[in-house]
Amino acid sequence: MNEQHISSAYDRDLEAITALIMKMGGLVEEAIIKAAKSLAQRDVELAEEVRKGDKAIDALEVQINEEAARTIALRAPVSKDLRSVLTVLRLAASLERIGDYAKNIAKRTSVLVDMAPVNGSDAALRRMAREVEQMLKDTLDAYLRYDAELAEDVRQRDHEVDQMYNALFREFLTFMMEDPRNITACMHLHFMAKNIERMGDLTTNMAEQVIYLVTGEMPDEARPKGDKTAYVTDPS
């Protein structure tokens, strides 16, 4: 009876932590969408909203870490139960980092507001951000449903995000070479694209954690990577 009571208490704890993860995930999805929209519309107020909203995301990560640590200390989970708690910690860390990248995009929007748009790049970045946001949504759904197949589907889709990034990178190089006046704007836009590409990487890492949670094993095969510009670094 005592073991049953402990198991029931653990289940309640995990449900509460899962609810926090989903809340955090929802805020991060919203941040991605708003950051891309603020760029497309040159909306400084919306960009500032994203920047301020990052505090709530950070606070949720702290709360999740505290609840997870408390659950480990009180319930001493083992095997799959421990795996569930460790997965939560890794998901929260990735979500917090994705939120940071959304905030970085919003910061650069404030700089770009007085510069002329660069030939359709805003729309391309918004499409790229929309793809990553959908990947994140599917990853969170896979986590809730213990769906390793959906998580694997997300994992494979990261290649599409990389391809979109590569195409934008080449376009920005062309624009800068054609007209040096484009250099400043293109550099900011490039780092925005790189931030979105890294969001995709983090989301894919989350999908791999879901696969590990469900199967007990990390994926064997290396996921396809299409980013050909790894030598470029983002100073932000």
Protein backbone atom coordinates (compact mmCIF):
# COMPACT_ATOMS: atom_id res chain seq x y z
CA MET A 1 0.00 0.00 0.00
CA ASN A 2 2.87 2.34 0.85
CA GLU A 3 4.53 1.74 -2.54
CA GLN A 4 1.20 2.40 -4.23
CA HIS A 5 0.86 5.66 -2.31
CA ILE A 6 4.36 6.74 -3.35
CA SER A 7 3.60 5.88 -6.97
CA SER A 8 0.40 7.90 -6.86
CA ALA A 9 2.22 10.88 -5.35
CA TYR A 10 4.91 10.63 -8.02
CA ASP A 11 2.28 10.59 -10.77
CA ARG A 12 0.70 13.74 -9.36
CA ASP A 13 4.09 15.45 -9.16
CA LEU A 14 4.91 14.53 -12.76
CA GLU A 15 1.51 15.72 -13.98
CA ALA A 16 2.11 19.09 -12.30
CA ILE A 17 5.57 19.40 -13.85
CA THR A 18 4.23 18.38 -17.25
CA ALA A 19 1.61 21.12 -17.00
CA LEU A 20 4.41 23.62 -16.36
CA ILE A 21 6.35 22.34 -19.39
CA MET A 22 3.30 22.76 -21.61
CA LYS A 23 2.73 26.27 -20.28
CA MET A 24 6.37 27.14 -20.93
CA GLY A 25 6.16 25.60 -24.39
CA GLY A 26 3.10 27.67 -25.20
CA LEU A 27 4.90 30.87 -24.21
CA VAL A 28 7.91 29.94 -26.34
CA GLU A 29 5.72 29.16 -29.36
CA GLU A 30 4.07 32.54 -28.93
CA ALA A 31 7.45 34.26 -28.66
CA ILE A 32 8.62 32.70 -31.94
CA ILE A 33 5.48 33.81 -33.77
CA LYS A 34 5.54 37.33 -32.33
CA ALA A 35 9.26 37.80 -32.98
CA ALA A 36 8.84 36.91 -36.66
CA LYS A 37 5.72 39.06 -36.95
CA SER A 38 7.43 42.04 -35.32
CA LEU A 39 10.17 41.82 -37.97
CA ALA A 40 7.76 41.50 -40.90
CA GLN A 41 5.69 44.45 -39.70
CA ARG A 42 8.58 46.44 -38.22
CA ASP A 43 6.55 46.53 -35.01
CA VAL A 44 8.82 47.79 -32.23
CA GLU A 45 6.10 47.49 -29.57
CA LEU A 46 5.53 43.83 -30.41
CA ALA A 47 9.29 43.23 -30.37
CA GLU A 48 9.46 44.79 -26.91
CA GLU A 49 6.62 42.51 -25.81
CA VAL A 50 8.72 39.51 -26.83
CA ARG A 51 11.72 40.84 -24.92
CA LYS A 52 9.71 41.42 -21.75
CA GLY A 53 7.92 38.08 -22.07
CA ASP A 54 11.21 36.21 -21.86
CA LYS A 55 11.23 36.80 -18.10
CA ALA A 56 8.14 34.61 -17.69
CA ILE A 57 9.82 31.84 -19.69
CA ASP A 58 12.94 32.04 -17.52
CA ALA A 59 10.82 31.97 -14.35
CA LEU A 60 9.05 28.81 -15.49
CA GLU A 61 12.36 27.07 -16.12
CA VAL A 62 13.43 27.88 -12.57
CA GLN A 63 10.12 26.59 -11.21
CA ILE A 64 10.36 23.37 -13.25
CA ASN A 65 13.92 22.76 -12.05
CA GLU A 66 12.85 23.24 -8.45
CA GLU A 67 9.84 20.95 -8.77
CA ALA A 68 11.87 18.29 -10.53
CA ALA A 69 14.58 18.41 -7.86
CA ARG A 70 11.93 18.14 -5.14
CA THR A 71 10.36 15.14 -6.86
CA ILE A 72 13.69 13.36 -7.13
CA ALA A 73 14.48 14.05 -3.46
CA LEU A 74 11.06 12.98 -2.12
CA ARG A 75 10.09 10.14 -4.46
CA ALA A 76 13.51 8.73 -5.39
CA PRO A 77 12.32 7.67 -8.87
CA VAL A 78 14.17 4.93 -10.71
CA SER A 79 14.20 3.50 -14.22
CA LYS A 80 11.50 5.00 -16.46
CA ASP A 81 10.24 7.31 -13.71
CA LEU A 82 13.68 8.86 -13.34
CA ARG A 83 13.95 9.10 -17.11
CA SER A 84 10.71 11.08 -17.16
CA VAL A 85 12.02 13.63 -14.67
CA LEU A 86 15.36 13.99 -16.43
CA THR A 87 13.55 14.49 -19.74
CA VAL A 88 11.53 17.31 -18.22
CA LEU A 89 14.72 19.07 -17.12
CA ARG A 90 16.23 18.79 -20.60
CA LEU A 91 13.07 20.00 -22.31
CA ALA A 92 12.88 23.01 -20.01
CA ALA A 93 16.52 23.92 -20.71
CA SER A 94 15.95 23.76 -24.47
CA LEU A 95 12.76 25.81 -24.25
CA GLU A 96 14.54 28.49 -22.26
CA ARG A 97 17.26 28.71 -24.90
CA ILE A 98 14.73 28.90 -27.74
CA GLY A 99 13.08 31.75 -25.86
CA ASP A 100 16.43 33.52 -25.73
CA TYR A 101 16.80 33.25 -29.50
CA ALA A 102 13.31 34.70 -29.99
CA LYS A 103 14.33 37.58 -27.74
CA ASN A 104 17.49 38.10 -29.82
CA ILE A 105 15.38 38.39 -32.97
CA ALA A 106 13.17 40.97 -31.26
CA LYS A 107 16.25 42.98 -30.27
CA ARG A 108 17.48 43.14 -33.84
CA THR A 109 14.02 44.14 -35.07
CA SER A 110 14.37 47.35 -33.07
CA VAL A 111 17.60 48.08 -34.97
CA LEU A 112 16.17 47.21 -38.40
CA VAL A 113 13.05 49.35 -38.05
CA ASP A 114 14.66 52.37 -39.74
CA MET A 115 16.28 50.34 -42.53
CA ALA A 116 14.71 49.46 -45.87
CA PRO A 117 13.48 45.83 -46.17
CA VAL A 118 15.81 43.53 -48.12
CA ASN A 119 13.98 41.97 -51.07
CA GLY A 120 11.52 39.54 -49.49
CA SER A 121 13.78 38.43 -46.67
CA ASP A 122 11.24 39.29 -43.97
CA ALA A 123 8.67 36.92 -45.46
CA ALA A 124 11.29 34.17 -45.86
CA LEU A 125 12.34 34.50 -42.22
CA ARG A 126 8.71 34.39 -41.15
CA ARG A 127 8.16 31.14 -43.08
CA MET A 128 11.25 29.67 -41.51
CA ALA A 129 10.09 30.69 -38.03
CA ARG A 130 6.63 29.25 -38.71
CA GLU A 131 8.20 25.89 -39.63
CA VAL A 132 10.22 25.82 -36.40
CA GLU A 133 7.16 26.80 -34.36
CA GLN A 134 5.21 23.91 -35.89
CA MET A 135 8.09 21.54 -35.14
CA LEU A 136 8.04 22.70 -31.53
CA LYS A 137 4.28 22.24 -31.29
CA ASP A 138 4.56 18.71 -32.68
CA THR A 139 7.40 17.90 -30.27
CA LEU A 140 5.33 18.97 -27.29
CA ASP A 141 2.40 16.93 -28.61
CA ALA A 142 4.71 13.93 -29.02
CA TYR A 143 5.85 14.37 -25.42
CA LEU A 144 2.28 14.45 -24.12
CA ARG A 145 1.23 11.44 -26.20
CA TYR A 146 4.45 9.43 -25.78
CA ASP A 147 4.59 9.36 -29.57
CA ALA A 148 8.07 8.38 -30.75
CA GLU A 149 7.00 8.35 -34.41
CA LEU A 150 5.88 11.97 -34.31
CA ALA A 151 9.10 12.91 -32.52
CA GLU A 152 11.10 11.16 -35.25
CA ASP A 153 9.14 13.06 -37.90
CA VAL A 154 10.17 16.33 -36.22
CA ARG A 155 13.74 15.13 -36.12
CA GLN A 156 13.79 14.59 -39.88
CA ARG A 157 12.19 17.96 -40.62
CA ASP A 158 15.16 19.85 -39.20
CA HIS A 159 16.82 19.29 -42.57
CA GLU A 160 14.17 21.50 -44.20
CA VAL A 161 14.95 24.33 -41.78
CA ASP A 162 18.65 23.99 -42.57
CA GLN A 163 17.93 24.19 -46.28
CA MET A 164 15.88 27.36 -45.78
CA TYR A 165 18.73 28.86 -43.79
CA ASN A 166 21.29 27.98 -46.46
CA ALA A 167 19.17 29.62 -49.15
CA LEU A 168 18.83 32.80 -47.12
CA PHE A 169 22.54 32.85 -46.34
CA ARG A 170 23.38 32.75 -50.05
CA GLU A 171 20.84 35.48 -50.80
CA PHE A 172 22.26 37.76 -48.13
CA LEU A 173 25.78 37.29 -49.51
CA THR A 174 24.54 38.21 -52.97
CA PHE A 175 22.73 41.32 -51.72
CA MET A 176 25.81 42.50 -49.85
CA MET A 177 28.09 42.01 -52.83
CA GLU A 178 25.68 43.79 -55.18
CA ASP A 179 25.27 46.82 -52.96
CA PRO A 180 27.48 47.58 -49.92
CA ARG A 181 24.62 49.66 -48.49
CA ASN A 182 22.85 46.36 -47.77
CA ILE A 183 25.63 45.04 -45.57
CA THR A 184 24.37 46.26 -42.18
CA ALA A 185 20.79 45.13 -42.72
CA CYS A 186 21.86 41.81 -44.21
CA MET A 187 24.17 41.06 -41.29
CA HIS A 188 21.33 41.58 -38.82
CA LEU A 189 18.97 39.49 -40.96
CA HIS A 190 21.56 36.75 -41.27
CA PHE A 191 21.96 36.47 -37.52
CA MET A 192 18.16 36.35 -37.20
CA ALA A 193 18.11 33.45 -39.65
CA LYS A 194 20.89 31.74 -37.71
CA ASN A 195 18.91 32.15 -34.49
CA ILE A 196 15.90 30.48 -36.10
CA GLU A 197 18.10 27.67 -37.44
CA ARG A 198 19.40 27.10 -33.92
CA MET A 199 15.84 27.04 -32.62
CA GLY A 200 15.28 24.19 -35.04
CA ASP A 201 18.33 22.36 -33.69
CA LEU A 202 17.11 22.74 -30.12
CA THR A 203 13.63 21.57 -31.05
CA THR A 204 15.18 18.55 -32.73
CA ASN A 205 17.17 17.86 -29.56
CA MET A 206 13.88 17.95 -27.67
CA ALA A 207 12.36 15.45 -30.12
CA GLU A 208 15.30 13.13 -29.51
CA GLN A 209 14.69 13.39 -25.77
CA VAL A 210 11.07 12.36 -26.35
CA ILE A 211 12.26 9.33 -28.32
CA TYR A 212 14.59 8.48 -25.43
CA LEU A 213 11.74 8.87 -22.96
CA VAL A 214 9.47 6.52 -24.89
CA THR A 215 11.98 3.88 -26.04
CA GLY A 216 14.75 4.13 -23.47
CA GLU A 217 17.29 4.71 -26.24
CA MET A 218 18.59 7.70 -28.14
CA PRO A 219 18.19 7.52 -31.93
CA ASP A 220 21.02 5.52 -33.51
CA GLU A 221 21.22 7.28 -36.83
CA ALA A 222 22.62 10.78 -37.06
CA ARG A 223 19.92 13.13 -38.25
CA PRO A 224 20.42 14.77 -41.65
CA LYS A 225 22.06 18.19 -41.34
CA GLY A 226 21.77 20.70 -44.12
CA ASP A 227 23.54 23.68 -42.56
CA LYS A 228 26.61 24.29 -44.72
CA THR A 229 27.68 27.48 -42.93
CA ALA A 230 28.87 26.18 -39.58
CA TYR A 231 31.91 28.41 -39.75
CA VAL A 232 29.71 31.49 -39.31
CA THR A 233 29.15 32.44 -35.70
CA ASP A 234 26.56 34.66 -34.07
CA PRO A 235 28.06 37.17 -31.65
CA SER A 236 24.72 37.87 -29.97
